[in-house]
Amino acid sequence: RGVVMAYAHIRGGGELGRPWYEGGRLMHKRNTFTDYIDVARHLIDTGRTSPQQLIADGGSAGGLLMGAVANMAPELFRGVLAAVPFVDALTSMLDPTLPLTVTEWDEWGDPYHDPNVYDYMKSYSPYENVAPRDYPAILALASLNDTRVLFTEAAKWVARLQESTTSGRPVLLKTEMSAGHGGVSGRYKQWEETAYELAWILRESGAVTV
């Protein structure tokens, strides 16, 4: 179909050693967003795609990445697919009763006790930074029984996006009513879910017209 898939090697992993990992966490978290934006610009500048074709795709913490780059550089993307996205990160990291919050403070920082971390997270948390701008088309996928990223995160984010976007492109929420963080169970249901996502990507990118 003439589609190119690229994996953005953003900071936060251990592939290039400890400094690469440290450079994408805590008070350096924004580096992961700017890395992704740099990759998108490189793909456009080298003629592999265009802003009218490029689709961003990420899930969970990668869904936070999707929300952040949609706020920071919406002009680069035709569409953004965010699966079980951690887009209300500040609210979740302020709630120690959630199952992952306290252990995740090691990666994100602790905004509950540290005002500097609070201000830093607020500067990039996708929900807090939605504003009137020309957003790409957005598809958010949530799961009702997700205990890692509550379905309310995607629902709040989508509602604010729908109120704020000025592009006229659709902002959609699809919630699985019996799934968890990993999506639906069963081989055939997983294939259907993947087909749904790929169909949306192909349509928004212009690779197919339906």
N, C-alpha and C. Protein backbone atom coordinates (compact mmCIF):
# COMPACT_ATOMS: atom_id res chain seq x y z
N ARG A 1 0.81 -1.21 0.00
CA ARG A 1 0.00 0.00 0.00
C ARG A 1 0.85 1.28 0.00
N GLY A 2 2.16 1.12 -0.07
CA GLY A 2 3.02 2.28 -0.09
C GLY A 2 3.23 2.91 1.28
N VAL A 3 3.00 2.15 2.35
CA VAL A 3 3.13 2.68 3.71
C VAL A 3 4.52 2.38 4.26
N VAL A 4 5.12 3.36 4.91
CA VAL A 4 6.39 3.19 5.60
C VAL A 4 6.14 3.23 7.10
N MET A 5 6.70 2.27 7.84
CA MET A 5 6.59 2.27 9.30
C MET A 5 7.96 2.58 9.89
N ALA A 6 8.00 3.54 10.79
CA ALA A 6 9.25 3.93 11.44
C ALA A 6 9.08 3.85 12.95
N TYR A 7 10.07 3.33 13.65
CA TYR A 7 10.07 3.27 15.10
C TYR A 7 11.00 4.37 15.63
N ALA A 8 10.45 5.29 16.36
CA ALA A 8 11.25 6.39 16.91
C ALA A 8 12.00 5.91 18.15
N HIS A 9 13.32 6.04 18.12
CA HIS A 9 14.16 5.56 19.23
C HIS A 9 14.34 6.70 20.22
N ILE A 10 13.32 6.92 21.04
CA ILE A 10 13.34 8.03 21.98
C ILE A 10 14.08 7.62 23.26
N ARG A 11 14.56 8.62 23.99
CA ARG A 11 15.25 8.32 25.24
C ARG A 11 14.30 7.76 26.29
N GLY A 12 14.88 7.01 27.23
CA GLY A 12 14.10 6.38 28.28
C GLY A 12 14.35 4.89 28.37
N GLY A 13 14.84 4.27 27.29
CA GLY A 13 15.20 2.86 27.32
C GLY A 13 16.66 2.69 27.71
N GLY A 14 17.10 1.44 27.81
CA GLY A 14 18.48 1.17 28.19
C GLY A 14 19.37 0.76 27.03
N GLU A 15 18.89 0.92 25.80
CA GLU A 15 19.60 0.38 24.64
C GLU A 15 20.98 1.00 24.45
N LEU A 16 21.12 2.27 24.81
CA LEU A 16 22.39 2.97 24.62
C LEU A 16 23.06 3.30 25.95
N GLY A 17 22.76 2.51 26.96
CA GLY A 17 23.43 2.69 28.24
C GLY A 17 22.64 3.54 29.22
N ARG A 18 23.19 3.63 30.41
CA ARG A 18 22.51 4.33 31.50
C ARG A 18 22.23 5.80 31.21
N PRO A 19 23.17 6.54 30.60
CA PRO A 19 22.87 7.96 30.33
C PRO A 19 21.66 8.15 29.40
N TRP A 20 21.48 7.24 28.45
CA TRP A 20 20.33 7.32 27.54
C TRP A 20 19.03 7.15 28.32
N TYR A 21 19.06 6.22 29.27
CA TYR A 21 17.90 5.99 30.13
C TYR A 21 17.64 7.19 31.04
N GLU A 22 18.68 7.68 31.70
CA GLU A 22 18.51 8.80 32.62
C GLU A 22 18.05 10.06 31.89
N GLY A 23 18.40 10.19 30.63
CA GLY A 23 18.06 11.38 29.86
C GLY A 23 16.61 11.46 29.44
N GLY A 24 15.81 10.44 29.81
CA GLY A 24 14.41 10.45 29.40
C GLY A 24 13.45 10.22 30.55
N ARG A 25 13.86 10.51 31.76
CA ARG A 25 13.00 10.27 32.92
C ARG A 25 13.08 11.45 33.88
N LEU A 26 12.21 11.41 34.88
CA LEU A 26 12.19 12.42 35.94
C LEU A 26 12.18 13.83 35.34
N MET A 27 13.13 14.67 35.72
CA MET A 27 13.13 16.06 35.27
C MET A 27 13.71 16.23 33.87
N HIS A 28 13.94 15.10 33.18
CA HIS A 28 14.39 15.13 31.78
C HIS A 28 13.35 14.49 30.86
N LYS A 29 12.13 14.31 31.36
CA LYS A 29 11.11 13.58 30.61
C LYS A 29 10.80 14.23 29.27
N ARG A 30 10.88 15.55 29.19
CA ARG A 30 10.55 16.24 27.94
C ARG A 30 11.44 15.79 26.77
N ASN A 31 12.62 15.28 27.07
CA ASN A 31 13.50 14.81 26.00
C ASN A 31 12.84 13.72 25.16
N THR A 32 12.00 12.89 25.79
CA THR A 32 11.35 11.84 25.01
C THR A 32 10.38 12.43 23.99
N PHE A 33 9.75 13.55 24.34
CA PHE A 33 8.80 14.18 23.42
C PHE A 33 9.55 14.87 22.28
N THR A 34 10.59 15.60 22.61
CA THR A 34 11.34 16.31 21.56
C THR A 34 12.09 15.34 20.66
N ASP A 35 12.54 14.20 21.21
CA ASP A 35 13.13 13.16 20.37
C ASP A 35 12.13 12.69 19.31
N TYR A 36 10.91 12.43 19.75
CA TYR A 36 9.88 11.93 18.83
C TYR A 36 9.56 12.96 17.76
N ILE A 37 9.46 14.21 18.16
CA ILE A 37 9.19 15.28 17.21
C ILE A 37 10.33 15.42 16.21
N ASP A 38 11.57 15.27 16.68
CA ASP A 38 12.72 15.33 15.77
C ASP A 38 12.68 14.20 14.75
N VAL A 39 12.26 13.01 15.19
CA VAL A 39 12.14 11.89 14.25
C VAL A 39 11.06 12.20 13.21
N ALA A 40 9.94 12.74 13.64
CA ALA A 40 8.87 13.09 12.70
C ALA A 40 9.36 14.11 11.68
N ARG A 41 10.06 15.13 12.15
CA ARG A 41 10.58 16.15 11.23
C ARG A 41 11.59 15.55 10.26
N HIS A 42 12.42 14.62 10.74
CA HIS A 42 13.40 13.98 9.86
C HIS A 42 12.69 13.18 8.76
N LEU A 43 11.64 12.46 9.11
CA LEU A 43 10.90 11.68 8.12
C LEU A 43 10.28 12.59 7.06
N ILE A 44 9.81 13.75 7.50
CA ILE A 44 9.23 14.72 6.56
C ILE A 44 10.31 15.37 5.71
N ASP A 45 11.40 15.81 6.34
CA ASP A 45 12.46 16.53 5.64
C ASP A 45 13.17 15.64 4.61
N THR A 46 13.21 14.33 4.85
CA THR A 46 13.87 13.42 3.92
C THR A 46 12.91 12.85 2.89
N GLY A 47 11.67 13.33 2.88
CA GLY A 47 10.72 12.95 1.84
C GLY A 47 10.07 11.60 2.01
N ARG A 48 10.20 11.00 3.19
CA ARG A 48 9.58 9.70 3.40
C ARG A 48 8.09 9.81 3.67
N THR A 49 7.65 10.98 4.12
CA THR A 49 6.24 11.21 4.37
C THR A 49 5.98 12.70 4.35
N SER A 50 4.78 13.08 4.70
CA SER A 50 4.42 14.50 4.77
C SER A 50 3.47 14.68 5.96
N PRO A 51 3.27 15.91 6.41
CA PRO A 51 2.32 16.12 7.51
C PRO A 51 0.90 15.71 7.15
N GLN A 52 0.59 15.60 5.86
CA GLN A 52 -0.74 15.18 5.44
C GLN A 52 -0.90 13.65 5.46
N GLN A 53 0.21 12.94 5.72
CA GLN A 53 0.19 11.48 5.71
C GLN A 53 0.64 10.84 7.02
N LEU A 54 1.41 11.56 7.81
CA LEU A 54 2.09 10.96 8.96
C LEU A 54 1.12 10.69 10.11
N ILE A 55 1.14 9.45 10.62
CA ILE A 55 0.32 9.04 11.74
C ILE A 55 1.23 8.65 12.90
N ALA A 56 0.98 9.18 14.08
CA ALA A 56 1.70 8.80 15.29
C ALA A 56 0.91 7.72 16.03
N ASP A 57 1.62 6.78 16.65
CA ASP A 57 0.95 5.65 17.30
C ASP A 57 1.71 5.28 18.56
N GLY A 58 1.01 5.23 19.70
CA GLY A 58 1.65 4.81 20.94
C GLY A 58 0.62 4.44 21.98
N GLY A 59 1.03 3.62 22.95
CA GLY A 59 0.09 3.17 23.96
C GLY A 59 0.65 3.24 25.36
N SER A 60 -0.24 3.37 26.34
CA SER A 60 0.09 3.43 27.75
C SER A 60 0.98 4.65 28.01
N ALA A 61 2.21 4.46 28.53
CA ALA A 61 3.11 5.61 28.67
C ALA A 61 3.41 6.22 27.31
N GLY A 62 3.40 5.38 26.27
CA GLY A 62 3.53 5.90 24.91
C GLY A 62 2.33 6.70 24.48
N GLY A 63 1.20 6.48 25.15
CA GLY A 63 0.03 7.31 24.92
C GLY A 63 0.20 8.70 25.48
N LEU A 64 0.93 8.82 26.60
CA LEU A 64 1.30 10.14 27.11
C LEU A 64 2.16 10.85 26.07
N LEU A 65 3.09 10.11 25.49
CA LEU A 65 3.91 10.67 24.41
C LEU A 65 3.04 11.20 23.27
N MET A 66 2.00 10.44 22.90
CA MET A 66 1.11 10.87 21.83
C MET A 66 0.41 12.18 22.20
N GLY A 67 -0.09 12.24 23.43
CA GLY A 67 -0.77 13.46 23.86
C GLY A 67 0.15 14.65 23.92
N ALA A 68 1.39 14.41 24.34
CA ALA A 68 2.35 15.51 24.45
C ALA A 68 2.74 16.05 23.09
N VAL A 69 3.03 15.17 22.13
CA VAL A 69 3.46 15.66 20.81
C VAL A 69 2.29 16.28 20.05
N ALA A 70 1.06 15.81 20.33
CA ALA A 70 -0.10 16.45 19.70
C ALA A 70 -0.25 17.89 20.18
N ASN A 71 0.12 18.14 21.43
CA ASN A 71 0.09 19.51 21.95
C ASN A 71 1.27 20.34 21.44
N MET A 72 2.45 19.72 21.36
CA MET A 72 3.67 20.46 21.07
C MET A 72 3.89 20.70 19.59
N ALA A 73 3.48 19.76 18.74
CA ALA A 73 3.74 19.88 17.30
C ALA A 73 2.61 19.28 16.48
N PRO A 74 1.38 19.76 16.65
CA PRO A 74 0.25 19.16 15.94
C PRO A 74 0.34 19.29 14.43
N GLU A 75 1.10 20.28 13.96
CA GLU A 75 1.21 20.53 12.52
C GLU A 75 1.97 19.43 11.79
N LEU A 76 2.66 18.54 12.52
CA LEU A 76 3.47 17.50 11.88
C LEU A 76 2.67 16.24 11.56
N PHE A 77 1.48 16.09 12.13
CA PHE A 77 0.79 14.81 12.07
C PHE A 77 -0.60 14.95 11.47
N ARG A 78 -0.93 13.99 10.62
CA ARG A 78 -2.30 13.89 10.11
C ARG A 78 -3.21 13.24 11.14
N GLY A 79 -2.67 12.27 11.88
CA GLY A 79 -3.47 11.58 12.87
C GLY A 79 -2.62 11.09 14.02
N VAL A 80 -3.27 10.85 15.16
CA VAL A 80 -2.62 10.33 16.36
C VAL A 80 -3.49 9.22 16.93
N LEU A 81 -2.91 8.03 17.06
CA LEU A 81 -3.59 6.88 17.67
C LEU A 81 -3.00 6.67 19.05
N ALA A 82 -3.81 6.75 20.08
CA ALA A 82 -3.35 6.63 21.46
C ALA A 82 -4.12 5.51 22.15
N ALA A 83 -3.43 4.42 22.46
CA ALA A 83 -4.07 3.26 23.08
C ALA A 83 -3.85 3.28 24.59
N VAL A 84 -4.92 3.05 25.35
CA VAL A 84 -4.91 3.13 26.81
C VAL A 84 -3.94 4.21 27.28
N PRO A 85 -4.15 5.45 26.85
CA PRO A 85 -3.12 6.49 26.99
C PRO A 85 -3.08 7.11 28.39
N PHE A 86 -1.88 7.29 28.89
CA PHE A 86 -1.62 7.88 30.20
C PHE A 86 -1.61 9.40 30.06
N VAL A 87 -2.76 9.96 29.68
CA VAL A 87 -2.83 11.37 29.29
C VAL A 87 -3.27 12.30 30.43
N ASP A 88 -3.66 11.73 31.55
CA ASP A 88 -3.99 12.54 32.73
C ASP A 88 -2.98 12.21 33.82
N ALA A 89 -1.71 12.28 33.42
CA ALA A 89 -0.61 11.77 34.26
C ALA A 89 -0.50 12.50 35.58
N LEU A 90 -0.66 13.79 35.57
CA LEU A 90 -0.49 14.55 36.81
C LEU A 90 -1.53 14.15 37.85
N THR A 91 -2.78 14.03 37.44
CA THR A 91 -3.83 13.62 38.37
C THR A 91 -3.53 12.25 38.98
N SER A 92 -3.10 11.30 38.14
CA SER A 92 -2.81 9.96 38.63
C SER A 92 -1.61 9.94 39.57
N MET A 93 -0.57 10.68 39.24
CA MET A 93 0.63 10.70 40.07
C MET A 93 0.41 11.46 41.38
N LEU A 94 -0.71 12.17 41.49
CA LEU A 94 -1.05 12.84 42.74
C LEU A 94 -1.93 11.99 43.65
N ASP A 95 -2.25 10.76 43.20
CA ASP A 95 -3.15 9.90 43.97
C ASP A 95 -2.41 8.64 44.43
N PRO A 96 -1.87 8.64 45.64
CA PRO A 96 -1.11 7.48 46.12
C PRO A 96 -1.95 6.22 46.31
N THR A 97 -3.28 6.33 46.28
CA THR A 97 -4.12 5.15 46.46
C THR A 97 -4.22 4.30 45.20
N LEU A 98 -3.82 4.85 44.05
CA LEU A 98 -3.84 4.05 42.82
C LEU A 98 -2.72 3.01 42.88
N PRO A 99 -2.91 1.85 42.25
CA PRO A 99 -1.97 0.74 42.45
C PRO A 99 -0.54 1.00 41.98
N LEU A 100 -0.34 1.85 40.99
CA LEU A 100 1.01 2.03 40.44
C LEU A 100 1.67 3.34 40.83
N THR A 101 0.94 4.24 41.45
CA THR A 101 1.45 5.60 41.62
C THR A 101 2.76 5.66 42.40
N VAL A 102 2.81 5.08 43.57
CA VAL A 102 3.99 5.24 44.43
C VAL A 102 5.23 4.63 43.79
N THR A 103 5.10 3.45 43.18
CA THR A 103 6.26 2.84 42.53
C THR A 103 6.67 3.62 41.28
N GLU A 104 5.71 4.25 40.62
CA GLU A 104 6.03 5.02 39.41
C GLU A 104 6.66 6.37 39.72
N TRP A 105 6.61 6.81 40.97
CA TRP A 105 7.30 8.05 41.32
C TRP A 105 8.79 7.96 40.99
N ASP A 106 9.36 6.74 41.02
CA ASP A 106 10.78 6.57 40.69
C ASP A 106 11.08 6.94 39.25
N GLU A 107 10.08 6.85 38.38
CA GLU A 107 10.29 7.15 36.97
C GLU A 107 9.85 8.56 36.59
N TRP A 108 8.71 9.01 37.16
CA TRP A 108 8.13 10.29 36.75
C TRP A 108 8.48 11.42 37.70
N GLY A 109 8.86 11.05 38.94
CA GLY A 109 8.99 12.04 39.99
C GLY A 109 7.73 12.04 40.85
N ASP A 110 7.81 12.69 41.99
CA ASP A 110 6.73 12.68 42.97
C ASP A 110 6.10 14.07 43.09
N PRO A 111 5.06 14.34 42.31
CA PRO A 111 4.43 15.66 42.38
C PRO A 111 3.61 15.85 43.64
N TYR A 112 3.33 14.78 44.35
CA TYR A 112 2.53 14.85 45.58
C TYR A 112 3.29 15.57 46.69
N HIS A 113 4.61 15.38 46.73
CA HIS A 113 5.42 15.96 47.79
C HIS A 113 6.39 17.03 47.31
N ASP A 114 6.65 17.09 46.01
CA ASP A 114 7.67 18.00 45.49
C ASP A 114 7.03 19.01 44.52
N PRO A 115 6.95 20.28 44.90
CA PRO A 115 6.31 21.27 44.02
C PRO A 115 7.05 21.48 42.70
N ASN A 116 8.36 21.25 42.68
CA ASN A 116 9.11 21.38 41.43
C ASN A 116 8.70 20.29 40.43
N VAL A 117 8.52 19.08 40.94
CA VAL A 117 8.05 17.99 40.09
C VAL A 117 6.63 18.27 39.62
N TYR A 118 5.79 18.76 40.51
CA TYR A 118 4.41 19.12 40.14
C TYR A 118 4.41 20.10 38.97
N ASP A 119 5.20 21.17 39.08
CA ASP A 119 5.23 22.18 38.01
C ASP A 119 5.75 21.59 36.71
N TYR A 120 6.76 20.72 36.80
CA TYR A 120 7.34 20.14 35.60
C TYR A 120 6.35 19.21 34.91
N MET A 121 5.70 18.34 35.68
CA MET A 121 4.71 17.44 35.10
C MET A 121 3.54 18.22 34.51
N LYS A 122 3.13 19.27 35.19
CA LYS A 122 2.01 20.07 34.68
C LYS A 122 2.37 20.74 33.35
N SER A 123 3.65 20.98 33.12
CA SER A 123 4.07 21.64 31.89
C SER A 123 3.95 20.74 30.67
N TYR A 124 3.88 19.40 30.88
CA TYR A 124 3.79 18.50 29.72
C TYR A 124 2.60 17.54 29.77
N SER A 125 1.95 17.36 30.92
CA SER A 125 0.84 16.42 31.02
C SER A 125 -0.21 16.76 29.95
N PRO A 126 -0.55 15.81 29.08
CA PRO A 126 -1.39 16.14 27.92
C PRO A 126 -2.71 16.83 28.27
N TYR A 127 -3.42 16.33 29.27
CA TYR A 127 -4.73 16.90 29.59
C TYR A 127 -4.62 18.37 29.98
N GLU A 128 -3.64 18.70 30.81
CA GLU A 128 -3.49 20.07 31.27
C GLU A 128 -3.12 21.03 30.16
N ASN A 129 -2.53 20.53 29.08
CA ASN A 129 -2.00 21.41 28.05
C ASN A 129 -2.80 21.42 26.75
N VAL A 130 -3.98 20.82 26.77
CA VAL A 130 -4.89 20.97 25.62
C VAL A 130 -5.33 22.42 25.54
N ALA A 131 -5.27 22.97 24.32
CA ALA A 131 -5.64 24.37 24.10
C ALA A 131 -6.21 24.50 22.69
N PRO A 132 -6.88 25.60 22.39
CA PRO A 132 -7.40 25.78 21.04
C PRO A 132 -6.27 25.78 20.01
N ARG A 133 -6.22 24.78 19.16
CA ARG A 133 -5.23 24.69 18.10
C ARG A 133 -5.70 23.68 17.07
N ASP A 134 -5.05 23.62 15.94
CA ASP A 134 -5.43 22.68 14.88
C ASP A 134 -4.86 21.30 15.18
N TYR A 135 -5.60 20.50 15.93
CA TYR A 135 -5.13 19.16 16.28
C TYR A 135 -5.27 18.21 15.10
N PRO A 136 -4.44 17.17 15.05
CA PRO A 136 -4.65 16.10 14.07
C PRO A 136 -5.94 15.34 14.39
N ALA A 137 -6.34 14.47 13.49
CA ALA A 137 -7.38 13.49 13.84
C ALA A 137 -6.83 12.62 14.96
N ILE A 138 -7.67 12.30 15.93
CA ILE A 138 -7.21 11.53 17.08
C ILE A 138 -8.18 10.39 17.36
N LEU A 139 -7.62 9.20 17.58
CA LEU A 139 -8.38 8.04 18.02
C LEU A 139 -7.78 7.57 19.34
N ALA A 140 -8.56 7.63 20.40
CA ALA A 140 -8.14 7.15 21.72
C ALA A 140 -8.86 5.85 22.02
N LEU A 141 -8.11 4.86 22.48
CA LEU A 141 -8.66 3.56 22.81
C LEU A 141 -8.52 3.33 24.31
N ALA A 142 -9.62 3.06 24.98
CA ALA A 142 -9.61 2.84 26.42
C ALA A 142 -10.25 1.49 26.74
N SER A 143 -9.99 1.01 27.96
CA SER A 143 -10.59 -0.24 28.43
C SER A 143 -11.23 -0.01 29.79
N LEU A 144 -12.48 -0.41 29.92
CA LEU A 144 -13.24 -0.13 31.12
C LEU A 144 -12.61 -0.74 32.37
N ASN A 145 -12.00 -1.92 32.23
CA ASN A 145 -11.45 -2.63 33.38
C ASN A 145 -9.94 -2.46 33.52
N ASP A 146 -9.41 -1.42 32.94
CA ASP A 146 -7.98 -1.14 33.01
C ASP A 146 -7.65 -0.56 34.39
N THR A 147 -6.81 -1.25 35.15
CA THR A 147 -6.40 -0.75 36.47
C THR A 147 -5.06 -0.03 36.42
N ARG A 148 -4.38 -0.09 35.28
CA ARG A 148 -3.08 0.59 35.16
C ARG A 148 -3.26 2.03 34.68
N VAL A 149 -4.09 2.20 33.66
CA VAL A 149 -4.46 3.54 33.19
C VAL A 149 -5.98 3.59 33.16
N LEU A 150 -6.58 4.31 34.07
CA LEU A 150 -8.04 4.31 34.17
C LEU A 150 -8.67 4.86 32.90
N PHE A 151 -9.82 4.30 32.53
CA PHE A 151 -10.50 4.72 31.30
C PHE A 151 -10.89 6.19 31.36
N THR A 152 -11.02 6.73 32.57
CA THR A 152 -11.39 8.14 32.70
C THR A 152 -10.32 9.07 32.12
N GLU A 153 -9.07 8.62 32.07
CA GLU A 153 -8.02 9.47 31.53
C GLU A 153 -8.30 9.79 30.05
N ALA A 154 -8.54 8.76 29.27
CA ALA A 154 -8.82 8.96 27.85
C ALA A 154 -10.13 9.73 27.66
N ALA A 155 -11.13 9.43 28.49
CA ALA A 155 -12.43 10.09 28.34
C ALA A 155 -12.32 11.58 28.61
N LYS A 156 -11.62 11.97 29.67
CA LYS A 156 -11.41 13.39 29.99
C LYS A 156 -10.65 14.10 28.87
N TRP A 157 -9.59 13.45 28.41
CA TRP A 157 -8.73 14.03 27.38
C TRP A 157 -9.51 14.27 26.09
N VAL A 158 -10.26 13.26 25.66
CA VAL A 158 -11.02 13.37 24.42
C VAL A 158 -12.07 14.46 24.53
N ALA A 159 -12.75 14.54 25.67
CA ALA A 159 -13.77 15.57 25.85
C ALA A 159 -13.17 16.97 25.72
N ARG A 160 -12.01 17.18 26.33
CA ARG A 160 -11.37 18.49 26.25
C ARG A 160 -10.87 18.77 24.83
N LEU A 161 -10.34 17.74 24.17
CA LEU A 161 -9.90 17.92 22.78
C LEU A 161 -11.06 18.29 21.87
N GLN A 162 -12.18 17.61 22.04
CA GLN A 162 -13.34 17.89 21.19
C GLN A 162 -13.81 19.32 21.37
N GLU A 163 -13.69 19.86 22.57
CA GLU A 163 -14.07 21.24 22.82
C GLU A 163 -13.05 22.23 22.26
N SER A 164 -11.79 21.81 22.13
CA SER A 164 -10.70 22.75 21.85
C SER A 164 -10.21 22.74 20.41
N THR A 165 -10.29 21.59 19.72
CA THR A 165 -9.68 21.51 18.40
C THR A 165 -10.32 22.48 17.42
N THR A 166 -9.50 23.08 16.59
CA THR A 166 -9.98 24.02 15.59
C THR A 166 -9.75 23.50 14.16
N SER A 167 -9.31 22.25 14.03
CA SER A 167 -8.96 21.72 12.71
C SER A 167 -10.16 21.13 11.98
N GLY A 168 -11.21 20.77 12.72
CA GLY A 168 -12.34 20.09 12.09
C GLY A 168 -12.13 18.61 11.89
N ARG A 169 -10.95 18.09 12.26
CA ARG A 169 -10.70 16.65 12.14
C ARG A 169 -11.31 15.92 13.33
N PRO A 170 -11.72 14.67 13.13
CA PRO A 170 -12.45 13.97 14.19
C PRO A 170 -11.56 13.60 15.37
N VAL A 171 -12.12 13.72 16.56
CA VAL A 171 -11.47 13.24 17.79
C VAL A 171 -12.40 12.20 18.38
N LEU A 172 -11.95 10.94 18.39
CA LEU A 172 -12.82 9.82 18.71
C LEU A 172 -12.32 9.05 19.93
N LEU A 173 -13.25 8.48 20.68
CA LEU A 173 -12.95 7.61 21.81
C LEU A 173 -13.66 6.29 21.59
N LYS A 174 -12.90 5.19 21.68
CA LYS A 174 -13.46 3.84 21.60
C LYS A 174 -13.10 3.12 22.90
N THR A 175 -14.11 2.71 23.65
CA THR A 175 -13.89 2.07 24.94
C THR A 175 -14.33 0.61 24.89
N GLU A 176 -13.40 -0.30 25.16
CA GLU A 176 -13.74 -1.72 25.28
C GLU A 176 -14.37 -1.95 26.65
N MET A 177 -15.55 -2.53 26.68
CA MET A 177 -16.32 -2.63 27.92
C MET A 177 -15.96 -3.86 28.76
N SER A 178 -15.13 -4.76 28.24
CA SER A 178 -14.77 -5.95 29.01
C SER A 178 -13.28 -6.24 28.96
N ALA A 179 -12.47 -5.23 28.63
CA ALA A 179 -11.03 -5.44 28.46
C ALA A 179 -10.26 -4.75 29.58
N GLY A 180 -8.98 -5.13 29.70
CA GLY A 180 -8.07 -4.51 30.64
C GLY A 180 -6.99 -3.75 29.91
N HIS A 181 -5.85 -3.54 30.59
CA HIS A 181 -4.79 -2.71 30.03
C HIS A 181 -4.21 -3.31 28.74
N GLY A 182 -4.19 -4.62 28.65
CA GLY A 182 -3.63 -5.29 27.48
C GLY A 182 -4.61 -5.43 26.33
N GLY A 183 -5.80 -4.87 26.47
CA GLY A 183 -6.78 -4.97 25.40
C GLY A 183 -7.65 -6.20 25.56
N VAL A 184 -8.37 -6.51 24.51
CA VAL A 184 -9.31 -7.63 24.56
C VAL A 184 -8.57 -8.95 24.63
N SER A 185 -9.24 -9.97 25.16
CA SER A 185 -8.66 -11.31 25.24
C SER A 185 -9.19 -12.17 24.10
N GLY A 186 -8.43 -13.17 23.75
CA GLY A 186 -8.83 -14.06 22.66
C GLY A 186 -8.18 -13.66 21.36
N ARG A 187 -7.68 -14.64 20.63
CA ARG A 187 -6.94 -14.38 19.41
C ARG A 187 -7.77 -13.63 18.37
N TYR A 188 -8.99 -14.06 18.14
CA TYR A 188 -9.80 -13.44 17.09
C TYR A 188 -10.21 -12.02 17.47
N LYS A 189 -10.52 -11.79 18.74
CA LYS A 189 -10.87 -10.43 19.18
C LYS A 189 -9.67 -9.50 19.06
N GLN A 190 -8.47 -10.02 19.35
CA GLN A 190 -7.27 -9.20 19.21
C GLN A 190 -7.02 -8.85 17.74
N TRP A 191 -7.26 -9.80 16.86
CA TRP A 191 -7.12 -9.51 15.43
C TRP A 191 -8.11 -8.43 14.99
N GLU A 192 -9.33 -8.53 15.49
CA GLU A 192 -10.34 -7.52 15.14
C GLU A 192 -9.92 -6.14 15.64
N GLU A 193 -9.37 -6.09 16.86
CA GLU A 193 -8.93 -4.82 17.42
C GLU A 193 -7.79 -4.23 16.60
N THR A 194 -6.83 -5.08 16.23
CA THR A 194 -5.71 -4.61 15.41
C THR A 194 -6.19 -4.15 14.04
N ALA A 195 -7.12 -4.89 13.45
CA ALA A 195 -7.65 -4.50 12.14
C ALA A 195 -8.35 -3.15 12.22
N TYR A 196 -9.07 -2.92 13.30
CA TYR A 196 -9.76 -1.63 13.49
C TYR A 196 -8.74 -0.49 13.53
N GLU A 197 -7.66 -0.68 14.30
CA GLU A 197 -6.64 0.35 14.41
C GLU A 197 -5.96 0.60 13.07
N LEU A 198 -5.60 -0.48 12.37
CA LEU A 198 -4.91 -0.33 11.09
C LEU A 198 -5.82 0.30 10.04
N ALA A 199 -7.10 -0.03 10.08
CA ALA A 199 -8.04 0.57 9.13
C ALA A 199 -8.12 2.07 9.35
N TRP A 200 -8.14 2.50 10.61
CA TRP A 200 -8.17 3.93 10.91
C TRP A 200 -6.90 4.61 10.42
N ILE A 201 -5.76 3.98 10.66
CA ILE A 201 -4.48 4.54 10.22
C ILE A 201 -4.44 4.67 8.70
N LEU A 202 -4.85 3.62 8.00
CA LEU A 202 -4.81 3.64 6.54
C LEU A 202 -5.75 4.69 5.98
N ARG A 203 -6.90 4.86 6.58
CA ARG A 203 -7.87 5.85 6.09
C ARG A 203 -7.36 7.26 6.35
N GLU A 204 -6.90 7.54 7.58
CA GLU A 204 -6.46 8.89 7.90
C GLU A 204 -5.21 9.29 7.14
N SER A 205 -4.34 8.32 6.86
CA SER A 205 -3.10 8.63 6.14
C SER A 205 -3.33 8.83 4.65
N GLY A 206 -4.51 8.43 4.17
CA GLY A 206 -4.80 8.53 2.75
C GLY A 206 -4.34 7.34 1.94
N ALA A 207 -3.82 6.30 2.63
CA ALA A 207 -3.37 5.11 1.90
C ALA A 207 -4.54 4.37 1.27
N VAL A 208 -5.72 4.46 1.90
CA VAL A 208 -6.94 3.92 1.30
C VAL A 208 -8.03 4.96 1.46
N THR A 209 -9.02 4.91 0.61
CA THR A 209 -10.17 5.81 0.72
C THR A 209 -11.42 4.94 0.81
N VAL A 210 -12.18 5.15 1.89
CA VAL A 210 -13.43 4.40 2.08
C VAL A 210 -14.51 5.37 2.52
